[in-house]
Amino acid sequence: MSAEKGSGGLLVVHARVRGYELPFRVLIDSGASKNFARRQTVASNSNKLTDALRESKGEGTVSVQLADGNVITVPRIHMDLAVKFEDFDSSEQFTVLEMDKYD
C-alpha cells in the first residue's frame, strides 16, 4: 500500500480489491456517509459489474453531493468489494458513480 497527498491535501491510498488485477486509487474522506466506486474502474471486471447491475435493477436512483458541492443523481447500483490496505481488510458496500480521478 502506498499513500499520497491528493489535491487540496486529501489523503489518497492505493488498495488491493479482490477480483481486480490493478490496485484502486482510493480517496479517504472521513466525512463521507457512504463508500463510492468509479464505474469505469469497477467495469474492468465486467462480471462483477454485470452482477451488480442485475442485482440493483429496479432500485431507482440516488442523489449524491460530491466534494465540489455539485449534486448528481445516478442509478442506484451497489457492489460489495473486498478492500485491503495495510491492516485494513474488509468487505464494504459501494455505490457506483461516474467520477474523475479516484477509483
N, C-alpha and C. Protein backbone atom coordinates (compact mmCIF):
# COMPACT_ATOMS: atom_id res chain seq x y z
N MET A 1 0.84 -1.16 0.00
CA MET A 1 0.00 0.00 0.00
C MET A 1 0.89 1.23 0.00
N SER A 2 0.50 2.20 -0.76
CA SER A 2 1.21 3.46 -0.72
C SER A 2 0.20 4.58 -0.53
N ALA A 3 0.64 5.64 0.13
CA ALA A 3 -0.23 6.79 0.36
C ALA A 3 0.38 7.99 -0.32
N GLU A 4 -0.47 8.92 -0.69
CA GLU A 4 -0.01 10.16 -1.31
C GLU A 4 -0.96 11.26 -0.89
N LYS A 5 -0.52 12.47 -1.05
CA LYS A 5 -1.38 13.61 -0.79
C LYS A 5 -2.00 14.04 -2.10
N GLY A 6 -3.32 14.04 -2.16
CA GLY A 6 -4.02 14.49 -3.36
C GLY A 6 -4.15 16.00 -3.36
N SER A 7 -4.81 16.52 -4.37
CA SER A 7 -5.01 17.96 -4.45
C SER A 7 -5.81 18.42 -3.24
N GLY A 8 -5.47 19.57 -2.71
CA GLY A 8 -6.16 20.09 -1.54
C GLY A 8 -5.80 19.37 -0.26
N GLY A 9 -4.70 18.60 -0.25
CA GLY A 9 -4.26 17.91 0.95
C GLY A 9 -5.06 16.67 1.29
N LEU A 10 -5.84 16.15 0.35
CA LEU A 10 -6.65 14.96 0.61
C LEU A 10 -5.78 13.72 0.70
N LEU A 11 -6.19 12.76 1.52
CA LEU A 11 -5.45 11.52 1.71
C LEU A 11 -5.88 10.50 0.66
N VAL A 12 -4.93 10.00 -0.10
CA VAL A 12 -5.19 9.02 -1.15
C VAL A 12 -4.32 7.80 -0.90
N VAL A 13 -4.92 6.59 -0.97
CA VAL A 13 -4.16 5.36 -0.81
C VAL A 13 -4.41 4.46 -2.01
N HIS A 14 -3.49 3.54 -2.23
CA HIS A 14 -3.66 2.52 -3.26
C HIS A 14 -3.99 1.23 -2.53
N ALA A 15 -5.15 0.65 -2.84
CA ALA A 15 -5.62 -0.53 -2.12
C ALA A 15 -5.90 -1.67 -3.10
N ARG A 16 -5.67 -2.88 -2.64
CA ARG A 16 -6.00 -4.08 -3.42
C ARG A 16 -7.48 -4.38 -3.22
N VAL A 17 -8.13 -4.80 -4.30
CA VAL A 17 -9.54 -5.18 -4.24
C VAL A 17 -9.66 -6.56 -4.87
N ARG A 18 -10.22 -7.51 -4.11
CA ARG A 18 -10.35 -8.88 -4.59
C ARG A 18 -11.13 -8.91 -5.90
N GLY A 19 -10.58 -9.61 -6.90
CA GLY A 19 -11.23 -9.74 -8.19
C GLY A 19 -10.71 -8.76 -9.23
N TYR A 20 -9.79 -7.88 -8.82
CA TYR A 20 -9.23 -6.88 -9.73
C TYR A 20 -7.71 -6.99 -9.74
N GLU A 21 -7.14 -6.95 -10.93
CA GLU A 21 -5.69 -7.10 -11.07
C GLU A 21 -4.94 -5.88 -10.55
N LEU A 22 -5.37 -4.70 -10.95
CA LEU A 22 -4.67 -3.47 -10.57
C LEU A 22 -5.26 -2.89 -9.29
N PRO A 23 -4.43 -2.26 -8.46
CA PRO A 23 -4.96 -1.63 -7.25
C PRO A 23 -5.86 -0.44 -7.59
N PHE A 24 -6.77 -0.14 -6.69
CA PHE A 24 -7.63 1.03 -6.82
C PHE A 24 -6.94 2.22 -6.16
N ARG A 25 -7.14 3.39 -6.70
CA ARG A 25 -6.69 4.65 -6.09
C ARG A 25 -7.86 5.16 -5.28
N VAL A 26 -7.71 5.19 -3.96
CA VAL A 26 -8.82 5.45 -3.05
C VAL A 26 -8.64 6.78 -2.33
N LEU A 27 -9.67 7.61 -2.39
CA LEU A 27 -9.70 8.86 -1.64
C LEU A 27 -10.34 8.56 -0.29
N ILE A 28 -9.63 8.85 0.79
CA ILE A 28 -10.17 8.66 2.14
C ILE A 28 -10.88 9.95 2.53
N ASP A 29 -12.19 9.87 2.71
CA ASP A 29 -12.99 11.03 3.10
C ASP A 29 -13.75 10.66 4.36
N SER A 30 -13.22 11.07 5.50
CA SER A 30 -13.83 10.69 6.78
C SER A 30 -15.20 11.32 6.97
N GLY A 31 -15.54 12.32 6.16
CA GLY A 31 -16.85 12.96 6.28
C GLY A 31 -17.91 12.35 5.39
N ALA A 32 -17.52 11.39 4.55
CA ALA A 32 -18.49 10.78 3.63
C ALA A 32 -19.41 9.83 4.38
N SER A 33 -20.68 9.81 3.98
CA SER A 33 -21.64 8.93 4.64
C SER A 33 -21.68 7.54 4.01
N LYS A 34 -21.10 7.40 2.82
CA LYS A 34 -21.09 6.12 2.11
C LYS A 34 -19.76 5.94 1.40
N ASN A 35 -19.56 4.75 0.86
CA ASN A 35 -18.40 4.47 0.02
C ASN A 35 -18.84 4.54 -1.44
N PHE A 36 -17.97 5.07 -2.28
CA PHE A 36 -18.29 5.20 -3.70
C PHE A 36 -17.18 4.61 -4.54
N ALA A 37 -17.56 3.97 -5.64
CA ALA A 37 -16.59 3.39 -6.57
C ALA A 37 -16.86 3.95 -7.96
N ARG A 38 -15.80 4.21 -8.68
CA ARG A 38 -15.88 4.76 -10.04
C ARG A 38 -16.31 3.67 -11.01
N ARG A 39 -17.36 3.94 -11.76
CA ARG A 39 -17.90 2.94 -12.68
C ARG A 39 -16.84 2.44 -13.67
N GLN A 40 -16.02 3.34 -14.21
CA GLN A 40 -15.01 2.94 -15.19
C GLN A 40 -14.02 1.95 -14.58
N THR A 41 -13.73 2.10 -13.30
CA THR A 41 -12.78 1.21 -12.64
C THR A 41 -13.40 -0.15 -12.36
N VAL A 42 -14.60 -0.17 -11.78
CA VAL A 42 -15.22 -1.46 -11.48
C VAL A 42 -15.58 -2.21 -12.76
N ALA A 43 -15.73 -1.50 -13.87
CA ALA A 43 -16.04 -2.15 -15.15
C ALA A 43 -14.86 -2.95 -15.67
N SER A 44 -13.66 -2.76 -15.10
CA SER A 44 -12.50 -3.55 -15.54
C SER A 44 -12.68 -5.03 -15.20
N ASN A 45 -13.60 -5.34 -14.28
CA ASN A 45 -14.03 -6.72 -14.05
C ASN A 45 -15.50 -6.76 -14.43
N SER A 46 -15.76 -7.01 -15.71
CA SER A 46 -17.13 -6.90 -16.23
C SER A 46 -18.10 -7.87 -15.56
N ASN A 47 -17.62 -9.02 -15.10
CA ASN A 47 -18.51 -9.97 -14.42
C ASN A 47 -19.06 -9.38 -13.13
N LYS A 48 -18.20 -8.74 -12.34
CA LYS A 48 -18.64 -8.14 -11.08
C LYS A 48 -19.64 -7.01 -11.35
N LEU A 49 -19.36 -6.16 -12.34
CA LEU A 49 -20.27 -5.06 -12.65
C LEU A 49 -21.59 -5.60 -13.19
N THR A 50 -21.54 -6.60 -14.05
CA THR A 50 -22.77 -7.19 -14.59
C THR A 50 -23.64 -7.75 -13.47
N ASP A 51 -23.02 -8.44 -12.51
CA ASP A 51 -23.76 -8.97 -11.36
C ASP A 51 -24.39 -7.84 -10.57
N ALA A 52 -23.64 -6.77 -10.33
CA ALA A 52 -24.16 -5.63 -9.56
C ALA A 52 -25.31 -4.95 -10.29
N LEU A 53 -25.20 -4.81 -11.60
CA LEU A 53 -26.28 -4.19 -12.39
C LEU A 53 -27.54 -5.04 -12.30
N ARG A 54 -27.39 -6.35 -12.40
CA ARG A 54 -28.54 -7.26 -12.33
C ARG A 54 -29.19 -7.19 -10.94
N GLU A 55 -28.37 -7.24 -9.89
CA GLU A 55 -28.89 -7.24 -8.52
C GLU A 55 -29.51 -5.90 -8.14
N SER A 56 -29.05 -4.81 -8.75
CA SER A 56 -29.54 -3.47 -8.40
C SER A 56 -30.69 -3.01 -9.29
N LYS A 57 -31.06 -3.82 -10.26
CA LYS A 57 -32.11 -3.43 -11.22
C LYS A 57 -33.41 -3.10 -10.47
N GLY A 58 -33.99 -1.96 -10.81
CA GLY A 58 -35.25 -1.55 -10.21
C GLY A 58 -35.13 -0.87 -8.87
N GLU A 59 -33.91 -0.59 -8.41
CA GLU A 59 -33.73 0.07 -7.12
C GLU A 59 -33.84 1.59 -7.20
N GLY A 60 -34.11 2.13 -8.39
CA GLY A 60 -34.31 3.57 -8.52
C GLY A 60 -33.01 4.33 -8.65
N THR A 61 -33.03 5.56 -8.15
CA THR A 61 -31.86 6.44 -8.26
C THR A 61 -31.43 6.91 -6.88
N VAL A 62 -30.26 7.50 -6.84
CA VAL A 62 -29.73 8.09 -5.61
C VAL A 62 -29.09 9.43 -5.98
N SER A 63 -29.30 10.44 -5.13
CA SER A 63 -28.65 11.74 -5.32
C SER A 63 -27.47 11.82 -4.38
N VAL A 64 -26.33 12.26 -4.91
CA VAL A 64 -25.09 12.30 -4.14
C VAL A 64 -24.48 13.69 -4.27
N GLN A 65 -24.10 14.29 -3.13
CA GLN A 65 -23.39 15.56 -3.17
C GLN A 65 -21.90 15.26 -3.21
N LEU A 66 -21.25 15.71 -4.27
CA LEU A 66 -19.82 15.47 -4.46
C LEU A 66 -19.00 16.44 -3.61
N ALA A 67 -17.71 16.16 -3.50
CA ALA A 67 -16.82 17.00 -2.70
C ALA A 67 -16.80 18.45 -3.18
N ASP A 68 -17.05 18.67 -4.47
CA ASP A 68 -17.05 20.04 -5.01
C ASP A 68 -18.38 20.75 -4.80
N GLY A 69 -19.33 20.08 -4.14
CA GLY A 69 -20.63 20.68 -3.86
C GLY A 69 -21.71 20.36 -4.86
N ASN A 70 -21.34 19.87 -6.04
CA ASN A 70 -22.34 19.50 -7.05
C ASN A 70 -23.12 18.28 -6.58
N VAL A 71 -24.41 18.27 -6.93
CA VAL A 71 -25.27 17.12 -6.62
C VAL A 71 -25.58 16.41 -7.93
N ILE A 72 -25.35 15.10 -7.94
CA ILE A 72 -25.67 14.30 -9.13
C ILE A 72 -26.68 13.23 -8.74
N THR A 73 -27.52 12.85 -9.69
CA THR A 73 -28.48 11.77 -9.49
C THR A 73 -28.12 10.66 -10.47
N VAL A 74 -27.92 9.47 -9.92
CA VAL A 74 -27.47 8.33 -10.73
C VAL A 74 -28.30 7.10 -10.38
N PRO A 75 -28.31 6.10 -11.27
CA PRO A 75 -28.98 4.84 -10.92
C PRO A 75 -28.35 4.26 -9.65
N ARG A 76 -29.18 3.69 -8.79
CA ARG A 76 -28.69 3.11 -7.53
C ARG A 76 -28.09 1.74 -7.84
N ILE A 77 -26.76 1.70 -7.91
CA ILE A 77 -26.03 0.45 -8.18
C ILE A 77 -25.09 0.22 -7.00
N HIS A 78 -25.25 -0.90 -6.34
CA HIS A 78 -24.40 -1.24 -5.19
C HIS A 78 -23.53 -2.44 -5.53
N MET A 79 -22.31 -2.42 -5.00
CA MET A 79 -21.38 -3.55 -5.13
C MET A 79 -20.71 -3.78 -3.79
N ASP A 80 -20.55 -5.03 -3.42
CA ASP A 80 -19.74 -5.37 -2.26
C ASP A 80 -18.34 -5.67 -2.77
N LEU A 81 -17.35 -4.94 -2.25
CA LEU A 81 -15.96 -5.12 -2.67
C LEU A 81 -15.10 -5.43 -1.46
N ALA A 82 -14.21 -6.41 -1.60
CA ALA A 82 -13.27 -6.77 -0.54
C ALA A 82 -12.02 -5.92 -0.72
N VAL A 83 -11.82 -4.97 0.20
CA VAL A 83 -10.75 -3.98 0.10
C VAL A 83 -9.68 -4.28 1.14
N LYS A 84 -8.41 -4.16 0.71
CA LYS A 84 -7.30 -4.41 1.65
C LYS A 84 -6.20 -3.38 1.43
N PHE A 85 -5.83 -2.69 2.51
CA PHE A 85 -4.62 -1.87 2.53
C PHE A 85 -4.12 -1.81 3.96
N GLU A 86 -2.81 -1.96 4.10
CA GLU A 86 -2.16 -2.10 5.41
C GLU A 86 -2.91 -3.12 6.25
N ASP A 87 -3.33 -2.76 7.47
CA ASP A 87 -4.02 -3.70 8.36
C ASP A 87 -5.53 -3.74 8.12
N PHE A 88 -6.03 -2.92 7.22
CA PHE A 88 -7.46 -2.87 6.92
C PHE A 88 -7.78 -3.94 5.89
N ASP A 89 -8.69 -4.84 6.21
CA ASP A 89 -9.09 -5.92 5.31
C ASP A 89 -10.57 -6.18 5.56
N SER A 90 -11.43 -5.69 4.67
CA SER A 90 -12.86 -5.74 4.94
C SER A 90 -13.66 -5.77 3.65
N SER A 91 -14.84 -6.35 3.71
CA SER A 91 -15.79 -6.29 2.60
C SER A 91 -16.74 -5.14 2.89
N GLU A 92 -16.83 -4.20 1.97
CA GLU A 92 -17.62 -2.99 2.16
C GLU A 92 -18.58 -2.81 1.00
N GLN A 93 -19.72 -2.17 1.25
CA GLN A 93 -20.66 -1.87 0.18
C GLN A 93 -20.31 -0.51 -0.43
N PHE A 94 -20.31 -0.46 -1.76
CA PHE A 94 -20.00 0.75 -2.51
C PHE A 94 -21.16 1.09 -3.43
N THR A 95 -21.42 2.38 -3.60
CA THR A 95 -22.35 2.88 -4.61
C THR A 95 -21.50 3.24 -5.82
N VAL A 96 -21.91 2.78 -6.99
CA VAL A 96 -21.14 3.00 -8.22
C VAL A 96 -21.54 4.34 -8.84
N LEU A 97 -20.53 5.19 -9.13
CA LEU A 97 -20.75 6.53 -9.71
C LEU A 97 -19.82 6.76 -10.89
N GLU A 98 -20.19 7.69 -11.76
CA GLU A 98 -19.28 8.21 -12.78
C GLU A 98 -18.47 9.29 -12.07
N MET A 99 -17.16 9.08 -11.92
CA MET A 99 -16.31 10.04 -11.21
C MET A 99 -15.00 10.21 -11.95
N ASP A 100 -14.30 11.30 -11.64
CA ASP A 100 -12.96 11.54 -12.15
C ASP A 100 -11.94 11.10 -11.11
N LYS A 101 -10.75 10.82 -11.53
CA LYS A 101 -9.53 10.66 -10.71
C LYS A 101 -9.50 9.47 -9.79
N TYR A 102 -10.48 9.32 -8.89
CA TYR A 102 -10.40 8.29 -7.86
C TYR A 102 -11.20 7.08 -8.29
N ASP A 103 -10.80 5.89 -7.81
CA ASP A 103 -11.44 4.65 -8.21
C ASP A 103 -12.54 4.28 -7.23
